[in-house]
mmCIF file of all heavy atoms, coordinates in Angstrom:
data_MODEL
# 
_entry.id   MODEL 
# 
loop_
_atom_site.group_PDB 
_atom_site.id 
_atom_site.type_symbol 
_atom_site.label_atom_id 
_atom_site.label_alt_id 
_atom_site.label_comp_id 
_atom_site.label_asym_id 
_atom_site.label_entity_id 
_atom_site.label_seq_id 
_atom_site.pdbx_PDB_ins_code 
_atom_site.Cartn_x 
_atom_site.Cartn_y 
_atom_site.Cartn_z 
_atom_site.occupancy 
_atom_site.B_iso_or_equiv 
_atom_site.pdbx_formal_charge 
_atom_site.auth_seq_id 
_atom_site.auth_comp_id 
_atom_site.auth_asym_id 
_atom_site.auth_atom_id 
_atom_site.pdbx_PDB_model_num 
ATOM 1   N N   . LEU A 1 1  ? 103.273 109.344 112.450 1.00 0.00 ? 1  LEU A N   1 
ATOM 2   C CA  . LEU A 1 1  ? 102.644 110.623 112.797 1.00 0.00 ? 1  LEU A CA  1 
ATOM 3   C C   . LEU A 1 1  ? 101.531 110.390 113.802 1.00 0.00 ? 1  LEU A C   1 
ATOM 4   O O   . LEU A 1 1  ? 100.871 109.344 113.773 1.00 0.00 ? 1  LEU A O   1 
ATOM 5   C CB  . LEU A 1 1  ? 102.041 111.281 111.550 1.00 0.00 ? 1  LEU A CB  1 
ATOM 6   C CG  . LEU A 1 1  ? 102.998 111.790 110.494 1.00 0.00 ? 1  LEU A CG  1 
ATOM 7   C CD1 . LEU A 1 1  ? 102.233 112.166 109.236 1.00 0.00 ? 1  LEU A CD1 1 
ATOM 8   C CD2 . LEU A 1 1  ? 103.777 112.978 111.013 1.00 0.00 ? 1  LEU A CD2 1 
ATOM 9   N N   . PRO A 1 2  ? 101.278 111.388 114.652 1.00 0.00 ? 2  PRO A N   1 
ATOM 10  C CA  . PRO A 1 2  ? 100.103 111.302 115.525 1.00 0.00 ? 2  PRO A CA  1 
ATOM 11  C C   . PRO A 1 2  ? 98.841  111.247 114.666 1.00 0.00 ? 2  PRO A C   1 
ATOM 12  O O   . PRO A 1 2  ? 98.820  111.705 113.524 1.00 0.00 ? 2  PRO A O   1 
ATOM 13  C CB  . PRO A 1 2  ? 100.148 112.601 116.338 1.00 0.00 ? 2  PRO A CB  1 
ATOM 14  C CG  . PRO A 1 2  ? 101.514 113.133 116.169 1.00 0.00 ? 2  PRO A CG  1 
ATOM 15  C CD  . PRO A 1 2  ? 102.042 112.605 114.872 1.00 0.00 ? 2  PRO A CD  1 
ATOM 16  N N   . ASP A 1 3  ? 97.779  110.692 115.228 1.00 0.00 ? 3  ASP A N   1 
ATOM 17  C CA  . ASP A 1 3  ? 96.543  110.459 114.492 1.00 0.00 ? 3  ASP A CA  1 
ATOM 18  C C   . ASP A 1 3  ? 96.009  111.713 113.801 1.00 0.00 ? 3  ASP A C   1 
ATOM 19  O O   . ASP A 1 3  ? 95.642  111.678 112.629 1.00 0.00 ? 3  ASP A O   1 
ATOM 20  C CB  . ASP A 1 3  ? 95.486  109.868 115.435 1.00 0.00 ? 3  ASP A CB  1 
ATOM 21  C CG  . ASP A 1 3  ? 94.430  109.105 114.681 1.00 0.00 ? 3  ASP A CG  1 
ATOM 22  O OD1 . ASP A 1 3  ? 94.776  108.395 113.722 1.00 0.00 ? 3  ASP A OD1 1 
ATOM 23  O OD2 . ASP A 1 3  ? 93.246  109.238 115.053 1.00 0.00 ? 3  ASP A OD2 1 
ATOM 24  N N   . ALA A 1 4  ? 95.972  112.824 114.515 1.00 0.00 ? 4  ALA A N   1 
ATOM 25  C CA  . ALA A 1 4  ? 95.417  114.060 113.938 1.00 0.00 ? 4  ALA A CA  1 
ATOM 26  C C   . ALA A 1 4  ? 96.250  114.534 112.749 1.00 0.00 ? 4  ALA A C   1 
ATOM 27  O O   . ALA A 1 4  ? 95.694  114.983 111.732 1.00 0.00 ? 4  ALA A O   1 
ATOM 28  C CB  . ALA A 1 4  ? 95.342  115.151 115.001 1.00 0.00 ? 4  ALA A CB  1 
ATOM 29  N N   . GLU A 1 5  ? 97.560  114.442 112.855 1.00 0.00 ? 5  GLU A N   1 
ATOM 30  C CA  . GLU A 1 5  ? 98.426  114.891 111.751 1.00 0.00 ? 5  GLU A CA  1 
ATOM 31  C C   . GLU A 1 5  ? 98.337  113.933 110.563 1.00 0.00 ? 5  GLU A C   1 
ATOM 32  O O   . GLU A 1 5  ? 98.386  114.365 109.412 1.00 0.00 ? 5  GLU A O   1 
ATOM 33  C CB  . GLU A 1 5  ? 99.860  115.058 112.238 1.00 0.00 ? 5  GLU A CB  1 
ATOM 34  C CG  . GLU A 1 5  ? 99.994  116.221 113.201 1.00 0.00 ? 5  GLU A CG  1 
ATOM 35  C CD  . GLU A 1 5  ? 101.416 116.533 113.581 1.00 0.00 ? 5  GLU A CD  1 
ATOM 36  O OE1 . GLU A 1 5  ? 102.295 116.509 112.696 1.00 0.00 ? 5  GLU A OE1 1 
ATOM 37  O OE2 . GLU A 1 5  ? 101.639 116.809 114.768 1.00 0.00 ? 5  GLU A OE2 1 
ATOM 38  N N   . ALA A 1 6  ? 98.205  112.642 110.836 1.00 0.00 ? 6  ALA A N   1 
ATOM 39  C CA  . ALA A 1 6  ? 98.048  111.669 109.751 1.00 0.00 ? 6  ALA A CA  1 
ATOM 40  C C   . ALA A 1 6  ? 96.730  111.906 109.023 1.00 0.00 ? 6  ALA A C   1 
ATOM 41  O O   . ALA A 1 6  ? 96.666  111.821 107.794 1.00 0.00 ? 6  ALA A O   1 
ATOM 42  C CB  . ALA A 1 6  ? 98.113  110.254 110.306 1.00 0.00 ? 6  ALA A CB  1 
ATOM 43  N N   . GLU A 1 7  ? 95.702  112.234 109.771 1.00 0.00 ? 7  GLU A N   1 
ATOM 44  C CA  . GLU A 1 7  ? 94.396  112.519 109.168 1.00 0.00 ? 7  GLU A CA  1 
ATOM 45  C C   . GLU A 1 7  ? 94.466  113.760 108.283 1.00 0.00 ? 7  GLU A C   1 
ATOM 46  O O   . GLU A 1 7  ? 93.942  113.779 107.164 1.00 0.00 ? 7  GLU A O   1 
ATOM 47  C CB  . GLU A 1 7  ? 93.358  112.722 110.274 1.00 0.00 ? 7  GLU A CB  1 
ATOM 48  C CG  . GLU A 1 7  ? 91.944  112.836 109.771 1.00 0.00 ? 7  GLU A CG  1 
ATOM 49  C CD  . GLU A 1 7  ? 90.939  112.929 110.908 1.00 0.00 ? 7  GLU A CD  1 
ATOM 50  O OE1 . GLU A 1 7  ? 91.138  112.285 111.950 1.00 0.00 ? 7  GLU A OE1 1 
ATOM 51  O OE2 . GLU A 1 7  ? 89.950  113.667 110.729 1.00 0.00 ? 7  GLU A OE2 1 
ATOM 52  N N   . ALA A 1 8  ? 95.152  114.795 108.759 1.00 0.00 ? 8  ALA A N   1 
ATOM 53  C CA  . ALA A 1 8  ? 95.312  116.018 107.973 1.00 0.00 ? 8  ALA A CA  1 
ATOM 54  C C   . ALA A 1 8  ? 96.128  115.739 106.710 1.00 0.00 ? 8  ALA A C   1 
ATOM 55  O O   . ALA A 1 8  ? 95.812  116.244 105.627 1.00 0.00 ? 8  ALA A O   1 
ATOM 56  C CB  . ALA A 1 8  ? 95.981  117.101 108.814 1.00 0.00 ? 8  ALA A CB  1 
ATOM 57  N N   . ALA A 1 9  ? 97.178  114.922 106.838 1.00 0.00 ? 9  ALA A N   1 
ATOM 58  C CA  . ALA A 1 9  ? 98.011  114.580 105.677 1.00 0.00 ? 9  ALA A CA  1 
ATOM 59  C C   . ALA A 1 9  ? 97.197  113.803 104.649 1.00 0.00 ? 9  ALA A C   1 
ATOM 60  O O   . ALA A 1 9  ? 97.319  114.034 103.446 1.00 0.00 ? 9  ALA A O   1 
ATOM 61  C CB  . ALA A 1 9  ? 99.220  113.768 106.123 1.00 0.00 ? 9  ALA A CB  1 
ATOM 62  N N   . GLU A 1 10 ? 96.335  112.910 105.127 1.00 0.00 ? 10 GLU A N   1 
ATOM 63  C CA  . GLU A 1 10 ? 95.508  112.121 104.222 1.00 0.00 ? 10 GLU A CA  1 
ATOM 64  C C   . GLU A 1 10 ? 94.523  113.020 103.462 1.00 0.00 ? 10 GLU A C   1 
ATOM 65  O O   . GLU A 1 10 ? 94.285  112.827 102.274 1.00 0.00 ? 10 GLU A O   1 
ATOM 66  C CB  . GLU A 1 10 ? 94.753  111.059 105.017 1.00 0.00 ? 10 GLU A CB  1 
ATOM 67  C CG  . GLU A 1 10 ? 94.037  110.051 104.160 1.00 0.00 ? 10 GLU A CG  1 
ATOM 68  C CD  . GLU A 1 10 ? 93.399  108.950 104.992 1.00 0.00 ? 10 GLU A CD  1 
ATOM 69  O OE1 . GLU A 1 10 ? 93.060  109.181 106.163 1.00 0.00 ? 10 GLU A OE1 1 
ATOM 70  O OE2 . GLU A 1 10 ? 93.231  107.859 104.425 1.00 0.00 ? 10 GLU A OE2 1 
ATOM 71  N N   . SER A 1 11 ? 93.991  114.024 104.136 1.00 0.00 ? 11 SER A N   1 
ATOM 72  C CA  . SER A 1 11 ? 93.079  114.974 103.484 1.00 0.00 ? 11 SER A CA  1 
ATOM 73  C C   . SER A 1 11 ? 93.804  115.809 102.436 1.00 0.00 ? 11 SER A C   1 
ATOM 74  O O   . SER A 1 11 ? 93.257  116.092 101.372 1.00 0.00 ? 11 SER A O   1 
ATOM 75  C CB  . SER A 1 11 ? 92.459  115.912 104.521 1.00 0.00 ? 11 SER A CB  1 
ATOM 76  O OG  . SER A 1 11 ? 91.635  115.196 105.393 1.00 0.00 ? 11 SER A OG  1 
ATOM 77  N N   . ALA A 1 12 ? 95.039  116.207 102.737 1.00 0.00 ? 12 ALA A N   1 
ATOM 78  C CA  . ALA A 1 12 ? 95.804  117.056 101.828 1.00 0.00 ? 12 ALA A CA  1 
ATOM 79  C C   . ALA A 1 12 ? 96.400  116.287 100.651 1.00 0.00 ? 12 ALA A C   1 
ATOM 80  O O   . ALA A 1 12 ? 96.695  116.875 99.610  1.00 0.00 ? 12 ALA A O   1 
ATOM 81  C CB  . ALA A 1 12 ? 96.920  117.766 102.597 1.00 0.00 ? 12 ALA A CB  1 
ATOM 82  N N   . HIS A 1 13 ? 96.591  114.975 100.823 1.00 0.00 ? 13 HIS A N   1 
ATOM 83  C CA  . HIS A 1 13 ? 97.242  114.159 99.785  1.00 0.00 ? 13 HIS A CA  1 
ATOM 84  C C   . HIS A 1 13 ? 96.389  112.925 99.508  1.00 0.00 ? 13 HIS A C   1 
ATOM 85  O O   . HIS A 1 13 ? 96.593  111.867 100.112 1.00 0.00 ? 13 HIS A O   1 
ATOM 86  C CB  . HIS A 1 13 ? 98.651  113.768 100.237 1.00 0.00 ? 13 HIS A CB  1 
ATOM 87  C CG  . HIS A 1 13 ? 99.489  114.946 100.596 1.00 0.00 ? 13 HIS A CG  1 
ATOM 88  N ND1 . HIS A 1 13 ? 100.042 115.776 99.659  1.00 0.00 ? 13 HIS A ND1 1 
ATOM 89  C CD2 . HIS A 1 13 ? 99.830  115.468 101.802 1.00 0.00 ? 13 HIS A CD2 1 
ATOM 90  C CE1 . HIS A 1 13 ? 100.703 116.751 100.270 1.00 0.00 ? 13 HIS A CE1 1 
ATOM 91  N NE2 . HIS A 1 13 ? 100.577 116.584 101.572 1.00 0.00 ? 13 HIS A NE2 1 
ATOM 92  N N   . PRO A 1 14 ? 95.443  113.031 98.571  1.00 0.00 ? 14 PRO A N   1 
ATOM 93  C CA  . PRO A 1 14 ? 94.490  111.946 98.312  1.00 0.00 ? 14 PRO A CA  1 
ATOM 94  C C   . PRO A 1 14 ? 95.131  110.627 97.875  1.00 0.00 ? 14 PRO A C   1 
ATOM 95  O O   . PRO A 1 14 ? 94.544  109.572 98.071  1.00 0.00 ? 14 PRO A O   1 
ATOM 96  C CB  . PRO A 1 14 ? 93.594  112.489 97.211  1.00 0.00 ? 14 PRO A CB  1 
ATOM 97  C CG  . PRO A 1 14 ? 93.913  113.930 97.059  1.00 0.00 ? 14 PRO A CG  1 
ATOM 98  C CD  . PRO A 1 14 ? 95.197  114.198 97.759  1.00 0.00 ? 14 PRO A CD  1 
ATOM 99  N N   . SER A 1 15 ? 96.335  110.674 97.321  1.00 0.00 ? 15 SER A N   1 
ATOM 100 C CA  . SER A 1 15 ? 96.987  109.425 96.900  1.00 0.00 ? 15 SER A CA  1 
ATOM 101 C C   . SER A 1 15 ? 97.648  108.715 98.080  1.00 0.00 ? 15 SER A C   1 
ATOM 102 O O   . SER A 1 15 ? 98.136  107.600 97.939  1.00 0.00 ? 15 SER A O   1 
ATOM 103 C CB  . SER A 1 15 ? 98.022  109.691 95.807  1.00 0.00 ? 15 SER A CB  1 
ATOM 104 O OG  . SER A 1 15 ? 99.052  110.517 96.310  1.00 0.00 ? 15 SER A OG  1 
ATOM 105 N N   . GLY A 1 16 ? 97.653  109.361 99.232  1.00 0.00 ? 16 GLY A N   1 
ATOM 106 C CA  . GLY A 1 16 ? 98.234  108.762 100.434 1.00 0.00 ? 16 GLY A CA  1 
ATOM 107 C C   . GLY A 1 16 ? 97.215  107.927 101.174 1.00 0.00 ? 16 GLY A C   1 
ATOM 108 O O   . GLY A 1 16 ? 96.028  107.906 100.852 1.00 0.00 ? 16 GLY A O   1 
ATOM 109 N N   . GLU A 1 17 ? 97.709  107.233 102.185 1.00 0.00 ? 17 GLU A N   1 
ATOM 110 C CA  . GLU A 1 17 ? 96.843  106.388 102.991 1.00 0.00 ? 17 GLU A CA  1 
ATOM 111 C C   . GLU A 1 17 ? 97.378  106.304 104.414 1.00 0.00 ? 17 GLU A C   1 
ATOM 112 O O   . GLU A 1 17 ? 98.555  106.569 104.654 1.00 0.00 ? 17 GLU A O   1 
ATOM 113 C CB  . GLU A 1 17 ? 96.745  104.985 102.398 1.00 0.00 ? 17 GLU A CB  1 
ATOM 114 C CG  . GLU A 1 17 ? 98.094  104.265 102.346 1.00 0.00 ? 17 GLU A CG  1 
ATOM 115 C CD  . GLU A 1 17 ? 98.061  102.957 101.585 1.00 0.00 ? 17 GLU A CD  1 
ATOM 116 O OE1 . GLU A 1 17 ? 96.991  102.573 101.081 1.00 0.00 ? 17 GLU A OE1 1 
ATOM 117 O OE2 . GLU A 1 17 ? 99.120  102.318 101.491 1.00 0.00 ? 17 GLU A OE2 1 
ATOM 118 N N   . ARG A 1 18 ? 96.506  105.941 105.318 1.00 0.00 ? 18 ARG A N   1 
ATOM 119 C CA  . ARG A 1 18 ? 96.919  105.768 106.706 1.00 0.00 ? 18 ARG A CA  1 
ATOM 120 C C   . ARG A 1 18 ? 97.835  104.565 106.803 1.00 0.00 ? 18 ARG A C   1 
ATOM 121 O O   . ARG A 1 18 ? 97.657  103.562 106.117 1.00 0.00 ? 18 ARG A O   1 
ATOM 122 C CB  . ARG A 1 18 ? 95.704  105.552 107.612 1.00 0.00 ? 18 ARG A CB  1 
ATOM 123 C CG  . ARG A 1 18 ? 94.747  106.730 107.644 1.00 0.00 ? 18 ARG A CG  1 
ATOM 124 C CD  . ARG A 1 18 ? 95.385  108.004 108.173 1.00 0.00 ? 18 ARG A CD  1 
ATOM 125 N NE  . ARG A 1 18 ? 95.534  108.049 109.597 1.00 0.00 ? 18 ARG A NE  1 
ATOM 126 C CZ  . ARG A 1 18 ? 94.596  108.395 110.457 1.00 0.00 ? 18 ARG A CZ  1 
ATOM 127 N NH1 . ARG A 1 18 ? 93.410  108.745 110.015 1.00 0.00 ? 18 ARG A NH1 1 
ATOM 128 N NH2 . ARG A 1 18 ? 94.826  108.402 111.730 1.00 0.00 ? 18 ARG A NH2 1 
ATOM 129 N N   . LEU A 1 19 ? 98.824  104.664 107.656 1.00 0.00 ? 19 LEU A N   1 
ATOM 130 C CA  . LEU A 1 19 ? 99.743  103.570 107.925 1.00 0.00 ? 19 LEU A CA  1 
ATOM 131 C C   . LEU A 1 19 ? 99.242  102.888 109.194 1.00 0.00 ? 19 LEU A C   1 
ATOM 132 O O   . LEU A 1 19 ? 99.120  103.528 110.241 1.00 0.00 ? 19 LEU A O   1 
ATOM 133 C CB  . LEU A 1 19 ? 101.158 104.137 108.115 1.00 0.00 ? 19 LEU A CB  1 
ATOM 134 C CG  . LEU A 1 19 ? 102.316 103.191 108.264 1.00 0.00 ? 19 LEU A CG  1 
ATOM 135 C CD1 . LEU A 1 19 ? 102.408 102.265 107.062 1.00 0.00 ? 19 LEU A CD1 1 
ATOM 136 C CD2 . LEU A 1 19 ? 103.614 103.969 108.394 1.00 0.00 ? 19 LEU A CD2 1 
ATOM 137 N N   . VAL A 1 20 ? 98.908  101.607 109.077 1.00 0.00 ? 20 VAL A N   1 
ATOM 138 C CA  . VAL A 1 20 ? 98.308  100.874 110.197 1.00 0.00 ? 20 VAL A CA  1 
ATOM 139 C C   . VAL A 1 20 ? 99.162  99.658  110.511 1.00 0.00 ? 20 VAL A C   1 
ATOM 140 O O   . VAL A 1 20 ? 99.590  98.932  109.608 1.00 0.00 ? 20 VAL A O   1 
ATOM 141 C CB  . VAL A 1 20 ? 96.860  100.433 109.843 1.00 0.00 ? 20 VAL A CB  1 
ATOM 142 C CG1 . VAL A 1 20 ? 96.245  99.641  110.972 1.00 0.00 ? 20 VAL A CG1 1 
ATOM 143 C CG2 . VAL A 1 20 ? 96.006  101.645 109.501 1.00 0.00 ? 20 VAL A CG2 1 
ATOM 144 N N   . ARG A 1 21 ? 99.416  99.445  111.782 1.00 0.00 ? 21 ARG A N   1 
ATOM 145 C CA  . ARG A 1 21 ? 100.158 98.268  112.230 1.00 0.00 ? 21 ARG A CA  1 
ATOM 146 C C   . ARG A 1 21 ? 99.319  97.568  113.298 1.00 0.00 ? 21 ARG A C   1 
ATOM 147 O O   . ARG A 1 21 ? 98.959  98.181  114.300 1.00 0.00 ? 21 ARG A O   1 
ATOM 148 C CB  . ARG A 1 21 ? 101.522 98.644  112.800 1.00 0.00 ? 21 ARG A CB  1 
ATOM 149 C CG  . ARG A 1 21 ? 102.319 97.419  113.236 1.00 0.00 ? 21 ARG A CG  1 
ATOM 150 C CD  . ARG A 1 21 ? 103.720 97.741  113.733 1.00 0.00 ? 21 ARG A CD  1 
ATOM 151 N NE  . ARG A 1 21 ? 104.521 98.258  112.630 1.00 0.00 ? 21 ARG A NE  1 
ATOM 152 C CZ  . ARG A 1 21 ? 105.419 99.221  112.757 1.00 0.00 ? 21 ARG A CZ  1 
ATOM 153 N NH1 . ARG A 1 21 ? 105.640 99.780  113.929 1.00 0.00 ? 21 ARG A NH1 1 
ATOM 154 N NH2 . ARG A 1 21 ? 106.108 99.638  111.726 1.00 0.00 ? 21 ARG A NH2 1 
ATOM 155 N N   . ARG A 1 22 ? 99.016  96.298  113.054 1.00 0.00 ? 22 ARG A N   1 
ATOM 156 C CA  . ARG A 1 22 ? 98.214  95.484  113.981 1.00 0.00 ? 22 ARG A CA  1 
ATOM 157 C C   . ARG A 1 22 ? 96.899  96.162  114.356 1.00 0.00 ? 22 ARG A C   1 
ATOM 158 O O   . ARG A 1 22 ? 96.509  96.187  115.521 1.00 0.00 ? 22 ARG A O   1 
ATOM 159 C CB  . ARG A 1 22 ? 99.020  95.142  115.224 1.00 0.00 ? 22 ARG A CB  1 
ATOM 160 C CG  . ARG A 1 22 ? 100.229 94.297  114.931 1.00 0.00 ? 22 ARG A CG  1 
ATOM 161 C CD  . ARG A 1 22 ? 100.956 93.933  116.187 1.00 0.00 ? 22 ARG A CD  1 
ATOM 162 N NE  . ARG A 1 22 ? 102.202 93.259  115.823 1.00 0.00 ? 22 ARG A NE  1 
ATOM 163 C CZ  . ARG A 1 22 ? 103.255 93.203  116.593 1.00 0.00 ? 22 ARG A CZ  1 
ATOM 164 N NH1 . ARG A 1 22 ? 103.233 93.749  117.787 1.00 0.00 ? 22 ARG A NH1 1 
ATOM 165 N NH2 . ARG A 1 22 ? 104.336 92.579  116.192 1.00 0.00 ? 22 ARG A NH2 1 
ATOM 166 N N   . GLY A 1 23 ? 96.269  96.772  113.371 1.00 0.00 ? 23 GLY A N   1 
ATOM 167 C CA  . GLY A 1 23 ? 94.980  97.402  113.595 1.00 0.00 ? 23 GLY A CA  1 
ATOM 168 C C   . GLY A 1 23 ? 95.029  98.791  114.206 1.00 0.00 ? 23 GLY A C   1 
ATOM 169 O O   . GLY A 1 23 ? 94.004  99.426  114.388 1.00 0.00 ? 23 GLY A O   1 
ATOM 170 N N   . THR A 1 24 ? 96.234  99.288  114.524 1.00 0.00 ? 24 THR A N   1 
ATOM 171 C CA  . THR A 1 24 ? 96.377  100.606 115.137 1.00 0.00 ? 24 THR A CA  1 
ATOM 172 C C   . THR A 1 24 ? 97.000  101.572 114.147 1.00 0.00 ? 24 THR A C   1 
ATOM 173 O O   . THR A 1 24 ? 98.065  101.285 113.589 1.00 0.00 ? 24 THR A O   1 
ATOM 174 C CB  . THR A 1 24 ? 97.273  100.513 116.396 1.00 0.00 ? 24 THR A CB  1 
ATOM 175 O OG1 . THR A 1 24 ? 96.716  99.561  117.285 1.00 0.00 ? 24 THR A OG1 1 
ATOM 176 C CG2 . THR A 1 24 ? 97.403  101.853 117.080 1.00 0.00 ? 24 THR A CG2 1 
ATOM 177 N N   . PRO A 1 25 ? 96.374  102.740 113.913 1.00 0.00 ? 25 PRO A N   1 
ATOM 178 C CA  . PRO A 1 25 ? 96.983  103.725 113.013 1.00 0.00 ? 25 PRO A CA  1 
ATOM 179 C C   . PRO A 1 25 ? 98.267  104.292 113.641 1.00 0.00 ? 25 PRO A C   1 
ATOM 180 O O   . PRO A 1 25 ? 98.262  104.685 114.801 1.00 0.00 ? 25 PRO A O   1 
ATOM 181 C CB  . PRO A 1 25 ? 95.927  104.821 112.878 1.00 0.00 ? 25 PRO A CB  1 
ATOM 182 C CG  . PRO A 1 25 ? 94.782  104.451 113.749 1.00 0.00 ? 25 PRO A CG  1 
ATOM 183 C CD  . PRO A 1 25 ? 95.092  103.172 114.434 1.00 0.00 ? 25 PRO A CD  1 
ATOM 184 N N   . ILE A 1 26 ? 99.342  104.267 112.847 1.00 0.00 ? 26 ILE A N   1 
ATOM 185 C CA  . ILE A 1 26 ? 100.625 104.771 113.359 1.00 0.00 ? 26 ILE A CA  1 
ATOM 186 C C   . ILE A 1 26 ? 101.223 105.875 112.500 1.00 0.00 ? 26 ILE A C   1 
ATOM 187 O O   . ILE A 1 26 ? 102.264 106.420 112.834 1.00 0.00 ? 26 ILE A O   1 
ATOM 188 C CB  . ILE A 1 26 ? 101.665 103.635 113.517 1.00 0.00 ? 26 ILE A CB  1 
ATOM 189 C CG1 . ILE A 1 26 ? 101.971 102.994 112.165 1.00 0.00 ? 26 ILE A CG1 1 
ATOM 190 C CG2 . ILE A 1 26 ? 101.210 102.612 114.537 1.00 0.00 ? 26 ILE A CG2 1 
ATOM 191 C CD1 . ILE A 1 26 ? 103.207 102.122 112.162 1.00 0.00 ? 26 ILE A CD1 1 
ATOM 192 N N   . GLY A 1 27 ? 100.569 106.208 111.394 1.00 0.00 ? 27 GLY A N   1 
ATOM 193 C CA  . GLY A 1 27 ? 101.144 107.250 110.555 1.00 0.00 ? 27 GLY A CA  1 
ATOM 194 C C   . GLY A 1 27 ? 100.484 107.361 109.200 1.00 0.00 ? 27 GLY A C   1 
ATOM 195 O O   . GLY A 1 27 ? 99.299  107.095 109.046 1.00 0.00 ? 27 GLY A O   1 
ATOM 196 N N   . PHE A 1 28 ? 101.310 107.724 108.230 1.00 0.00 ? 28 PHE A N   1 
ATOM 197 C CA  . PHE A 1 28 ? 100.826 108.065 106.895 1.00 0.00 ? 28 PHE A CA  1 
ATOM 198 C C   . PHE A 1 28 ? 101.839 107.598 105.866 1.00 0.00 ? 28 PHE A C   1 
ATOM 199 O O   . PHE A 1 28 ? 103.045 107.651 106.098 1.00 0.00 ? 28 PHE A O   1 
ATOM 200 C CB  . PHE A 1 28 ? 100.653 109.583 106.827 1.00 0.00 ? 28 PHE A CB  1 
ATOM 201 C CG  . PHE A 1 28 ? 100.194 110.106 105.501 1.00 0.00 ? 28 PHE A CG  1 
ATOM 202 C CD1 . PHE A 1 28 ? 98.918  109.831 105.029 1.00 0.00 ? 28 PHE A CD1 1 
ATOM 203 C CD2 . PHE A 1 28 ? 101.028 110.897 104.737 1.00 0.00 ? 28 PHE A CD2 1 
ATOM 204 C CE1 . PHE A 1 28 ? 98.488  110.328 103.808 1.00 0.00 ? 28 PHE A CE1 1 
ATOM 205 C CE2 . PHE A 1 28 ? 100.608 111.400 103.521 1.00 0.00 ? 28 PHE A CE2 1 
ATOM 206 C CZ  . PHE A 1 28 ? 99.330  111.113 103.062 1.00 0.00 ? 28 PHE A CZ  1 
# 
């Protein structure tokens, strides 16, 4: 997911987390 959508998903779903690859956020 794009960063803004991943951030919104993380806010809406507290059990979720950002998906990071090599230090770069790539999703949720």
